[in-house]
Amino acid sequence: MQKTNKKKLEEFIRVDHAGERGAIKIYEGQLLALNTIYKDESLKKTILEMREHEKEHCEFFESEIKKREIKPTKFLPLWDLLGVGLGFGTTLLGKKAAMLCTASVEEVIDKHYQDQIDQLQEDEKELRKKIIKFREDEIHHKDIAYEEGASKKGIYSILDKVIKTGSKIAIRISEKI
């Protein structure tokens, strides 16, 4: 039986923990804007539901970090601030931008999780099964975002590229540090 590379496994868990926590922070930033400045009860309900999935994912990776004695990324405080800021800022731009934020992040995460699924060996069946389920949740969030009005037309195409680039940079940093 082939075993998953220990260093690679630690990177997977570290970055997935940071990413799920980052997703919660983005939704918290969106909720902050929705509770204070940009009122939209329907959007608020949608975001609250998606945040619940992210909490489940984050709790799983927090427990894996503790169980496997993996150090979380040193950048968690910065990712928290940037996540809240991204969520808040995109929501202030309106529903299309808020939903594009979700769609853009989830498109990066979809590919990221698929890459991990492809690399996990037989010795990590349970972890692989969880990541497959979480990936399905993230794809569902992306689909909801497009149903709710996410758009990449016009100026939104630039926002999409900025969000995706930032997400990919955060992934690379969190894997290593």
N, C-alpha and C. Protein backbone atom coordinates (compact mmCIF):
# COMPACT_ATOMS: atom_id res chain seq x y z
N MET A 1 0.85 -1.19 0.00
CA MET A 1 0.00 0.00 0.00
C MET A 1 0.89 1.25 0.00
N GLN A 2 0.59 2.15 -0.92
CA GLN A 2 1.35 3.41 -0.97
C GLN A 2 0.89 4.33 0.15
N LYS A 3 1.85 5.05 0.71
CA LYS A 3 1.54 5.99 1.79
C LYS A 3 1.66 7.41 1.27
N THR A 4 0.81 8.28 1.82
CA THR A 4 0.85 9.69 1.47
C THR A 4 2.08 10.31 2.11
N ASN A 5 2.81 11.12 1.36
CA ASN A 5 3.99 11.82 1.85
C ASN A 5 3.60 12.66 3.07
N LYS A 6 4.32 12.45 4.20
CA LYS A 6 3.98 13.13 5.46
C LYS A 6 4.05 14.66 5.34
N LYS A 7 5.08 15.16 4.70
CA LYS A 7 5.22 16.61 4.52
C LYS A 7 4.06 17.18 3.70
N LYS A 8 3.70 16.49 2.65
CA LYS A 8 2.60 16.91 1.78
C LYS A 8 1.29 16.88 2.56
N LEU A 9 1.10 15.85 3.37
CA LEU A 9 -0.10 15.71 4.18
C LEU A 9 -0.23 16.87 5.17
N GLU A 10 0.88 17.24 5.80
CA GLU A 10 0.87 18.38 6.73
C GLU A 10 0.50 19.67 6.00
N GLU A 11 1.04 19.84 4.79
CA GLU A 11 0.70 21.02 3.99
C GLU A 11 -0.79 21.05 3.66
N PHE A 12 -1.33 19.90 3.27
CA PHE A 12 -2.76 19.82 2.94
C PHE A 12 -3.61 20.27 4.12
N ILE A 13 -3.33 19.71 5.29
CA ILE A 13 -4.16 19.99 6.46
C ILE A 13 -3.97 21.44 6.91
N ARG A 14 -2.74 21.93 6.91
CA ARG A 14 -2.46 23.31 7.30
C ARG A 14 -3.21 24.30 6.40
N VAL A 15 -3.09 24.11 5.09
CA VAL A 15 -3.71 25.06 4.17
C VAL A 15 -5.24 24.92 4.16
N ASP A 16 -5.75 23.71 4.31
CA ASP A 16 -7.20 23.53 4.33
C ASP A 16 -7.80 24.16 5.58
N HIS A 17 -7.11 24.03 6.69
CA HIS A 17 -7.55 24.69 7.93
C HIS A 17 -7.61 26.21 7.72
N ALA A 18 -6.52 26.76 7.18
CA ALA A 18 -6.47 28.21 6.94
C ALA A 18 -7.56 28.64 5.96
N GLY A 19 -7.77 27.85 4.92
CA GLY A 19 -8.77 28.21 3.91
C GLY A 19 -10.18 28.18 4.44
N GLU A 20 -10.50 27.17 5.21
CA GLU A 20 -11.86 27.09 5.77
C GLU A 20 -12.10 28.20 6.79
N ARG A 21 -11.08 28.49 7.56
CA ARG A 21 -11.20 29.60 8.51
C ARG A 21 -11.33 30.92 7.74
N GLY A 22 -10.57 31.06 6.64
CA GLY A 22 -10.66 32.25 5.80
C GLY A 22 -12.06 32.42 5.22
N ALA A 23 -12.66 31.32 4.81
CA ALA A 23 -14.02 31.38 4.25
C ALA A 23 -15.01 31.89 5.31
N ILE A 24 -14.86 31.41 6.53
CA ILE A 24 -15.72 31.88 7.63
C ILE A 24 -15.54 33.39 7.79
N LYS A 25 -14.29 33.86 7.76
CA LYS A 25 -14.02 35.29 7.93
C LYS A 25 -14.60 36.12 6.78
N ILE A 26 -14.53 35.60 5.55
CA ILE A 26 -15.15 36.31 4.42
C ILE A 26 -16.65 36.45 4.67
N TYR A 27 -17.29 35.35 5.07
CA TYR A 27 -18.73 35.41 5.34
C TYR A 27 -19.04 36.34 6.52
N GLU A 28 -18.16 36.34 7.53
CA GLU A 28 -18.38 37.26 8.65
C GLU A 28 -18.28 38.71 8.20
N GLY A 29 -17.34 39.00 7.30
CA GLY A 29 -17.24 40.35 6.74
C GLY A 29 -18.47 40.72 5.95
N GLN A 30 -18.99 39.78 5.18
CA GLN A 30 -20.21 40.03 4.42
C GLN A 30 -21.38 40.27 5.37
N LEU A 31 -21.47 39.48 6.41
CA LEU A 31 -22.55 39.65 7.38
C LEU A 31 -22.44 40.98 8.12
N LEU A 32 -21.21 41.40 8.40
CA LEU A 32 -21.01 42.70 9.04
C LEU A 32 -21.57 43.82 8.16
N ALA A 33 -21.27 43.76 6.89
CA ALA A 33 -21.81 44.77 5.96
C ALA A 33 -23.33 44.67 5.87
N LEU A 34 -23.84 43.45 5.84
CA LEU A 34 -25.29 43.25 5.72
C LEU A 34 -26.04 43.66 6.98
N ASN A 35 -25.38 43.60 8.11
CA ASN A 35 -26.02 43.99 9.38
C ASN A 35 -25.90 45.48 9.67
N THR A 36 -25.03 46.17 8.94
CA THR A 36 -24.79 47.58 9.27
C THR A 36 -25.11 48.55 8.14
N ILE A 37 -24.73 48.23 6.92
CA ILE A 37 -24.80 49.21 5.85
C ILE A 37 -25.70 48.77 4.70
N TYR A 38 -25.47 47.58 4.19
CA TYR A 38 -26.16 47.10 2.98
C TYR A 38 -27.18 46.05 3.41
N LYS A 39 -28.41 46.46 3.58
CA LYS A 39 -29.45 45.55 4.08
C LYS A 39 -30.03 44.70 2.95
N ASP A 40 -29.96 43.38 3.14
CA ASP A 40 -30.55 42.43 2.20
C ASP A 40 -30.76 41.13 2.98
N GLU A 41 -31.96 40.95 3.50
CA GLU A 41 -32.24 39.80 4.38
C GLU A 41 -32.11 38.46 3.64
N SER A 42 -32.47 38.42 2.37
CA SER A 42 -32.37 37.20 1.59
C SER A 42 -30.91 36.78 1.42
N LEU A 43 -30.07 37.75 1.08
CA LEU A 43 -28.64 37.48 0.92
C LEU A 43 -28.03 37.06 2.26
N LYS A 44 -28.45 37.73 3.32
CA LYS A 44 -27.96 37.41 4.67
C LYS A 44 -28.26 35.94 5.01
N LYS A 45 -29.48 35.49 4.72
CA LYS A 45 -29.88 34.11 4.99
C LYS A 45 -29.00 33.13 4.20
N THR A 46 -28.75 33.43 2.93
CA THR A 46 -27.91 32.58 2.08
C THR A 46 -26.50 32.47 2.66
N ILE A 47 -25.95 33.60 3.06
CA ILE A 47 -24.58 33.61 3.59
C ILE A 47 -24.50 32.88 4.92
N LEU A 48 -25.50 33.05 5.77
CA LEU A 48 -25.51 32.32 7.05
C LEU A 48 -25.50 30.81 6.83
N GLU A 49 -26.26 30.34 5.84
CA GLU A 49 -26.29 28.90 5.55
C GLU A 49 -24.94 28.41 5.05
N MET A 50 -24.30 29.17 4.15
CA MET A 50 -23.00 28.75 3.63
C MET A 50 -21.94 28.78 4.73
N ARG A 51 -22.04 29.77 5.61
CA ARG A 51 -21.07 29.86 6.71
C ARG A 51 -21.13 28.63 7.61
N GLU A 52 -22.31 28.06 7.78
CA GLU A 52 -22.44 26.86 8.62
C GLU A 52 -21.63 25.69 8.05
N HIS A 53 -21.65 25.52 6.72
CA HIS A 53 -20.82 24.47 6.11
C HIS A 53 -19.35 24.72 6.40
N GLU A 54 -18.94 25.99 6.24
CA GLU A 54 -17.53 26.32 6.44
C GLU A 54 -17.11 26.06 7.89
N LYS A 55 -18.01 26.30 8.83
CA LYS A 55 -17.70 26.02 10.23
C LYS A 55 -17.46 24.52 10.44
N GLU A 56 -18.30 23.70 9.83
CA GLU A 56 -18.13 22.25 9.91
C GLU A 56 -16.77 21.84 9.34
N HIS A 57 -16.42 22.39 8.19
CA HIS A 57 -15.14 22.07 7.56
C HIS A 57 -13.98 22.51 8.44
N CYS A 58 -14.07 23.73 8.96
CA CYS A 58 -12.99 24.28 9.78
C CYS A 58 -12.80 23.46 11.06
N GLU A 59 -13.89 23.07 11.69
CA GLU A 59 -13.80 22.25 12.91
C GLU A 59 -13.10 20.93 12.62
N PHE A 60 -13.40 20.33 11.48
CA PHE A 60 -12.73 19.08 11.12
C PHE A 60 -11.23 19.30 11.00
N PHE A 61 -10.81 20.35 10.28
CA PHE A 61 -9.37 20.58 10.08
C PHE A 61 -8.70 21.03 11.37
N GLU A 62 -9.40 21.75 12.24
CA GLU A 62 -8.83 22.10 13.55
C GLU A 62 -8.55 20.84 14.35
N SER A 63 -9.46 19.88 14.29
CA SER A 63 -9.24 18.64 15.03
C SER A 63 -8.09 17.84 14.42
N GLU A 64 -7.96 17.86 13.09
CA GLU A 64 -6.84 17.17 12.42
C GLU A 64 -5.50 17.80 12.79
N ILE A 65 -5.48 19.12 12.88
CA ILE A 65 -4.25 19.84 13.26
C ILE A 65 -3.82 19.42 14.67
N LYS A 66 -4.77 19.34 15.58
CA LYS A 66 -4.45 18.94 16.96
C LYS A 66 -4.05 17.47 17.02
N LYS A 67 -4.85 16.62 16.40
CA LYS A 67 -4.61 15.18 16.44
C LYS A 67 -3.25 14.81 15.83
N ARG A 68 -2.89 15.46 14.75
CA ARG A 68 -1.66 15.12 14.03
C ARG A 68 -0.48 16.01 14.44
N GLU A 69 -0.74 16.92 15.37
CA GLU A 69 0.30 17.84 15.88
C GLU A 69 0.97 18.63 14.74
N ILE A 70 0.13 19.27 13.95
CA ILE A 70 0.59 20.10 12.83
C ILE A 70 0.47 21.56 13.25
N LYS A 71 1.48 22.33 12.96
CA LYS A 71 1.43 23.76 13.28
C LYS A 71 0.56 24.47 12.24
N PRO A 72 -0.43 25.26 12.70
CA PRO A 72 -1.22 26.04 11.73
C PRO A 72 -0.33 27.11 11.09
N THR A 73 -0.78 27.67 9.99
CA THR A 73 -0.02 28.72 9.35
C THR A 73 0.16 29.90 10.30
N LYS A 74 1.32 30.51 10.23
CA LYS A 74 1.61 31.69 11.06
C LYS A 74 0.82 32.91 10.55
N PHE A 75 0.23 32.79 9.38
CA PHE A 75 -0.47 33.91 8.77
C PHE A 75 -1.96 33.98 9.13
N LEU A 76 -2.44 33.12 10.03
CA LEU A 76 -3.87 33.13 10.37
C LEU A 76 -4.39 34.52 10.76
N PRO A 77 -3.69 35.27 11.60
CA PRO A 77 -4.23 36.60 11.95
C PRO A 77 -4.37 37.52 10.72
N LEU A 78 -3.40 37.48 9.82
CA LEU A 78 -3.49 38.30 8.61
C LEU A 78 -4.62 37.82 7.71
N TRP A 79 -4.73 36.49 7.54
CA TRP A 79 -5.82 35.95 6.70
C TRP A 79 -7.17 36.32 7.28
N ASP A 80 -7.28 36.32 8.63
CA ASP A 80 -8.54 36.72 9.27
C ASP A 80 -8.91 38.15 8.88
N LEU A 81 -7.95 39.05 9.00
CA LEU A 81 -8.21 40.46 8.67
C LEU A 81 -8.55 40.64 7.19
N LEU A 82 -7.77 40.00 6.33
CA LEU A 82 -8.01 40.13 4.90
C LEU A 82 -9.35 39.50 4.50
N GLY A 83 -9.70 38.39 5.14
CA GLY A 83 -10.99 37.73 4.85
C GLY A 83 -12.16 38.62 5.22
N VAL A 84 -12.14 39.17 6.42
CA VAL A 84 -13.22 40.07 6.85
C VAL A 84 -13.27 41.28 5.91
N GLY A 85 -12.11 41.84 5.59
CA GLY A 85 -12.07 43.00 4.69
C GLY A 85 -12.60 42.68 3.31
N LEU A 86 -12.23 41.53 2.77
CA LEU A 86 -12.72 41.13 1.45
C LEU A 86 -14.23 40.94 1.46
N GLY A 87 -14.72 40.25 2.46
CA GLY A 87 -16.17 40.03 2.56
C GLY A 87 -16.93 41.33 2.72
N PHE A 88 -16.44 42.19 3.60
CA PHE A 88 -17.10 43.47 3.85
C PHE A 88 -17.06 44.34 2.59
N GLY A 89 -15.88 44.45 2.00
CA GLY A 89 -15.71 45.31 0.83
C GLY A 89 -16.53 44.88 -0.37
N THR A 90 -16.53 43.57 -0.66
CA THR A 90 -17.30 43.12 -1.82
C THR A 90 -18.80 43.30 -1.59
N THR A 91 -19.24 43.15 -0.36
CA THR A 91 -20.67 43.33 -0.08
C THR A 91 -21.07 44.79 -0.22
N LEU A 92 -20.18 45.71 0.16
CA LEU A 92 -20.48 47.13 -0.03
C LEU A 92 -20.64 47.47 -1.51
N LEU A 93 -19.98 46.69 -2.38
CA LEU A 93 -20.11 46.92 -3.82
C LEU A 93 -21.44 46.39 -4.36
N GLY A 94 -22.15 45.62 -3.56
CA GLY A 94 -23.46 45.11 -3.97
C GLY A 94 -23.51 43.60 -4.01
N LYS A 95 -24.72 43.10 -4.24
CA LYS A 95 -24.97 41.67 -4.22
C LYS A 95 -24.14 40.92 -5.27
N LYS A 96 -24.04 41.46 -6.49
CA LYS A 96 -23.26 40.79 -7.55
C LYS A 96 -21.82 40.59 -7.12
N ALA A 97 -21.22 41.61 -6.54
CA ALA A 97 -19.83 41.53 -6.11
C ALA A 97 -19.67 40.58 -4.93
N ALA A 98 -20.61 40.62 -3.99
CA ALA A 98 -20.55 39.71 -2.83
C ALA A 98 -20.63 38.26 -3.29
N MET A 99 -21.53 37.99 -4.22
CA MET A 99 -21.69 36.62 -4.71
C MET A 99 -20.52 36.22 -5.61
N LEU A 100 -19.95 37.18 -6.34
CA LEU A 100 -18.76 36.88 -7.13
C LEU A 100 -17.60 36.50 -6.22
N CYS A 101 -17.50 37.15 -5.09
CA CYS A 101 -16.45 36.82 -4.12
C CYS A 101 -16.54 35.33 -3.76
N THR A 102 -17.74 34.88 -3.43
CA THR A 102 -17.94 33.46 -3.11
C THR A 102 -17.60 32.58 -4.30
N ALA A 103 -18.13 32.91 -5.48
CA ALA A 103 -17.90 32.09 -6.67
C ALA A 103 -16.41 32.00 -7.00
N SER A 104 -15.71 33.12 -6.95
CA SER A 104 -14.29 33.15 -7.30
C SER A 104 -13.46 32.30 -6.34
N VAL A 105 -13.70 32.48 -5.05
CA VAL A 105 -12.96 31.69 -4.04
C VAL A 105 -13.28 30.21 -4.23
N GLU A 106 -14.55 29.87 -4.40
CA GLU A 106 -14.93 28.46 -4.51
C GLU A 106 -14.37 27.81 -5.77
N GLU A 107 -14.22 28.57 -6.85
CA GLU A 107 -13.61 28.00 -8.06
C GLU A 107 -12.16 27.62 -7.82
N VAL A 108 -11.45 28.44 -7.06
CA VAL A 108 -10.07 28.12 -6.71
C VAL A 108 -10.04 26.90 -5.79
N ILE A 109 -10.93 26.87 -4.82
CA ILE A 109 -10.96 25.78 -3.85
C ILE A 109 -11.36 24.45 -4.51
N ASP A 110 -12.27 24.50 -5.45
CA ASP A 110 -12.68 23.31 -6.18
C ASP A 110 -11.44 22.63 -6.79
N LYS A 111 -10.65 23.38 -7.50
CA LYS A 111 -9.43 22.84 -8.14
C LYS A 111 -8.41 22.40 -7.08
N HIS A 112 -8.25 23.22 -6.05
CA HIS A 112 -7.32 22.92 -4.96
C HIS A 112 -7.67 21.58 -4.29
N TYR A 113 -8.94 21.41 -3.93
CA TYR A 113 -9.36 20.16 -3.28
C TYR A 113 -9.21 18.98 -4.24
N GLN A 114 -9.54 19.17 -5.52
CA GLN A 114 -9.40 18.07 -6.48
C GLN A 114 -7.93 17.64 -6.58
N ASP A 115 -7.02 18.60 -6.57
CA ASP A 115 -5.59 18.28 -6.60
C ASP A 115 -5.20 17.43 -5.38
N GLN A 116 -5.73 17.78 -4.22
CA GLN A 116 -5.44 17.01 -3.01
C GLN A 116 -6.03 15.61 -3.10
N ILE A 117 -7.26 15.52 -3.53
CA ILE A 117 -7.93 14.22 -3.67
C ILE A 117 -7.10 13.30 -4.56
N ASP A 118 -6.59 13.84 -5.64
CA ASP A 118 -5.79 13.06 -6.58
C ASP A 118 -4.47 12.58 -5.98
N GLN A 119 -3.97 13.29 -4.98
CA GLN A 119 -2.67 12.93 -4.39
C GLN A 119 -2.77 12.06 -3.14
N LEU A 120 -3.92 12.03 -2.50
CA LEU A 120 -4.06 11.25 -1.27
C LEU A 120 -4.07 9.76 -1.60
N GLN A 121 -3.31 8.99 -0.81
CA GLN A 121 -3.17 7.56 -1.03
C GLN A 121 -4.15 6.78 -0.15
N GLU A 122 -4.08 5.45 -0.27
CA GLU A 122 -4.97 4.55 0.47
C GLU A 122 -4.88 4.71 1.99
N ASP A 123 -3.73 5.13 2.50
CA ASP A 123 -3.56 5.27 3.94
C ASP A 123 -4.35 6.45 4.51
N GLU A 124 -4.90 7.27 3.64
CA GLU A 124 -5.66 8.46 4.09
C GLU A 124 -7.08 8.45 3.52
N LYS A 125 -7.72 7.27 3.57
CA LYS A 125 -9.09 7.12 3.03
C LYS A 125 -10.09 8.07 3.68
N GLU A 126 -10.03 8.17 4.99
CA GLU A 126 -11.00 9.00 5.72
C GLU A 126 -10.82 10.48 5.39
N LEU A 127 -9.58 10.93 5.37
CA LEU A 127 -9.30 12.33 5.02
C LEU A 127 -9.77 12.60 3.59
N ARG A 128 -9.46 11.69 2.71
CA ARG A 128 -9.86 11.84 1.30
C ARG A 128 -11.39 11.95 1.19
N LYS A 129 -12.10 11.09 1.93
CA LYS A 129 -13.56 11.09 1.91
C LYS A 129 -14.11 12.45 2.39
N LYS A 130 -13.52 12.98 3.45
CA LYS A 130 -13.94 14.29 3.98
C LYS A 130 -13.69 15.39 2.95
N ILE A 131 -12.52 15.38 2.33
CA ILE A 131 -12.20 16.43 1.36
C ILE A 131 -13.13 16.33 0.15
N ILE A 132 -13.49 15.13 -0.26
CA ILE A 132 -14.45 14.96 -1.36
C ILE A 132 -15.78 15.59 -0.97
N LYS A 133 -16.23 15.34 0.25
CA LYS A 133 -17.51 15.91 0.71
C LYS A 133 -17.42 17.44 0.79
N PHE A 134 -16.32 17.95 1.34
CA PHE A 134 -16.16 19.39 1.47
C PHE A 134 -16.10 20.05 0.09
N ARG A 135 -15.43 19.40 -0.86
CA ARG A 135 -15.37 19.92 -2.23
C ARG A 135 -16.78 20.03 -2.81
N GLU A 136 -17.60 19.03 -2.57
CA GLU A 136 -18.99 19.06 -3.05
C GLU A 136 -19.74 20.24 -2.44
N ASP A 137 -19.52 20.50 -1.14
CA ASP A 137 -20.14 21.66 -0.48
C ASP A 137 -19.69 22.95 -1.15
N GLU A 138 -18.39 23.05 -1.44
CA GLU A 138 -17.85 24.29 -2.04
C GLU A 138 -18.40 24.50 -3.45
N ILE A 139 -18.54 23.42 -4.22
CA ILE A 139 -19.13 23.53 -5.55
C ILE A 139 -20.58 24.00 -5.43
N HIS A 140 -21.28 23.49 -4.42
CA HIS A 140 -22.66 23.92 -4.17
C HIS A 140 -22.71 25.42 -3.85
N HIS A 141 -21.77 25.90 -3.05
CA HIS A 141 -21.71 27.33 -2.72
C HIS A 141 -21.48 28.16 -3.99
N LYS A 142 -20.58 27.68 -4.86
CA LYS A 142 -20.31 28.37 -6.13
C LYS A 142 -21.59 28.44 -6.96
N ASP A 143 -22.31 27.33 -7.04
CA ASP A 143 -23.56 27.30 -7.81
C ASP A 143 -24.59 28.27 -7.24
N ILE A 144 -24.70 28.32 -5.93
CA ILE A 144 -25.62 29.26 -5.27
C ILE A 144 -25.22 30.69 -5.62
N ALA A 145 -23.92 30.96 -5.58
CA ALA A 145 -23.45 32.32 -5.87
C ALA A 145 -23.87 32.76 -7.28
N TYR A 146 -23.73 31.87 -8.25
CA TYR A 146 -24.15 32.23 -9.61
C TYR A 146 -25.66 32.36 -9.71
N GLU A 147 -26.40 31.50 -9.00
CA GLU A 147 -27.86 31.61 -8.99
C GLU A 147 -28.29 32.95 -8.38
N GLU A 148 -27.51 33.44 -7.42
CA GLU A 148 -27.83 34.69 -6.72
C GLU A 148 -27.29 35.93 -7.42
N GLY A 149 -26.68 35.75 -8.59
CA GLY A 149 -26.30 36.93 -9.37
C GLY A 149 -24.83 37.21 -9.58
N ALA A 150 -23.95 36.32 -9.14
CA ALA A 150 -22.51 36.54 -9.38
C ALA A 150 -22.31 36.71 -10.89
N SER A 151 -21.42 37.64 -11.22
CA SER A 151 -21.17 37.93 -12.63
C SER A 151 -19.69 38.23 -12.82
N LYS A 152 -19.17 37.84 -13.99
CA LYS A 152 -17.79 38.17 -14.35
C LYS A 152 -17.77 39.15 -15.52
N LYS A 153 -18.89 39.76 -15.78
CA LYS A 153 -18.98 40.70 -16.90
C LYS A 153 -18.43 42.07 -16.50
N GLY A 154 -17.82 42.73 -17.47
CA GLY A 154 -17.33 44.10 -17.25
C GLY A 154 -16.29 44.16 -16.15
N ILE A 155 -16.44 45.13 -15.29
CA ILE A 155 -15.49 45.38 -14.20
C ILE A 155 -15.37 44.19 -13.26
N TYR A 156 -16.43 43.37 -13.20
CA TYR A 156 -16.40 42.21 -12.31
C TYR A 156 -15.33 41.20 -12.73
N SER A 157 -14.94 41.21 -14.00
CA SER A 157 -13.89 40.28 -14.44
C SER A 157 -12.57 40.60 -13.75
N ILE A 158 -12.34 41.87 -13.49
CA ILE A 158 -11.12 42.29 -12.78
C ILE A 158 -11.19 41.83 -11.32
N LEU A 159 -12.33 42.03 -10.69
CA LEU A 159 -12.52 41.60 -9.31
C LEU A 159 -12.32 40.09 -9.19
N ASP A 160 -12.84 39.33 -10.14
CA ASP A 160 -12.67 37.88 -10.16
C ASP A 160 -11.18 37.52 -10.17
N LYS A 161 -10.42 38.16 -11.04
CA LYS A 161 -8.98 37.87 -11.16
C LYS A 161 -8.23 38.23 -9.88
N VAL A 162 -8.57 39.36 -9.29
CA VAL A 162 -7.92 39.80 -8.05
C VAL A 162 -8.20 38.80 -6.92
N ILE A 163 -9.45 38.40 -6.77
CA ILE A 163 -9.82 37.46 -5.71
C ILE A 163 -9.14 36.11 -5.92
N LYS A 164 -9.15 35.62 -7.15
CA LYS A 164 -8.52 34.32 -7.43
C LYS A 164 -7.01 34.37 -7.22
N THR A 165 -6.38 35.45 -7.64
CA THR A 165 -4.93 35.58 -7.45
C THR A 165 -4.60 35.63 -5.96
N GLY A 166 -5.34 36.41 -5.20
CA GLY A 166 -5.14 36.49 -3.76
C GLY A 166 -5.33 35.14 -3.08
N SER A 167 -6.35 34.41 -3.51
CA SER A 167 -6.61 33.09 -2.93
C SER A 167 -5.47 32.13 -3.22
N LYS A 168 -4.97 32.15 -4.44
CA LYS A 168 -3.87 31.24 -4.80
C LYS A 168 -2.60 31.59 -4.05
N ILE A 169 -2.33 32.87 -3.86
CA ILE A 169 -1.16 33.29 -3.09
C ILE A 169 -1.29 32.83 -1.63
N ALA A 170 -2.47 33.02 -1.06
CA ALA A 170 -2.70 32.60 0.34
C ALA A 170 -2.52 31.08 0.48
N ILE A 171 -2.96 30.33 -0.51
CA ILE A 171 -2.79 28.88 -0.49
C ILE A 171 -1.31 28.53 -0.47
N ARG A 172 -0.54 29.09 -1.36
CA ARG A 172 0.90 28.76 -1.47
C ARG A 172 1.63 29.12 -0.18
N ILE A 173 1.33 30.29 0.37
CA ILE A 173 2.00 30.71 1.61
C ILE A 173 1.61 29.79 2.77
N SER A 174 0.30 29.49 2.89
CA SER A 174 -0.19 28.70 4.02
C SER A 174 0.30 27.27 3.97
N GLU A 175 0.58 26.75 2.80
CA GLU A 175 1.12 25.39 2.71
C GLU A 175 2.49 25.32 3.39
N LYS A 176 3.27 26.37 3.24
CA LYS A 176 4.68 26.32 3.65
C LYS A 176 4.97 26.95 5.02
N ILE A 177 4.23 27.99 5.37
CA ILE A 177 4.58 28.74 6.59
C ILE A 177 3.43 28.74 7.59
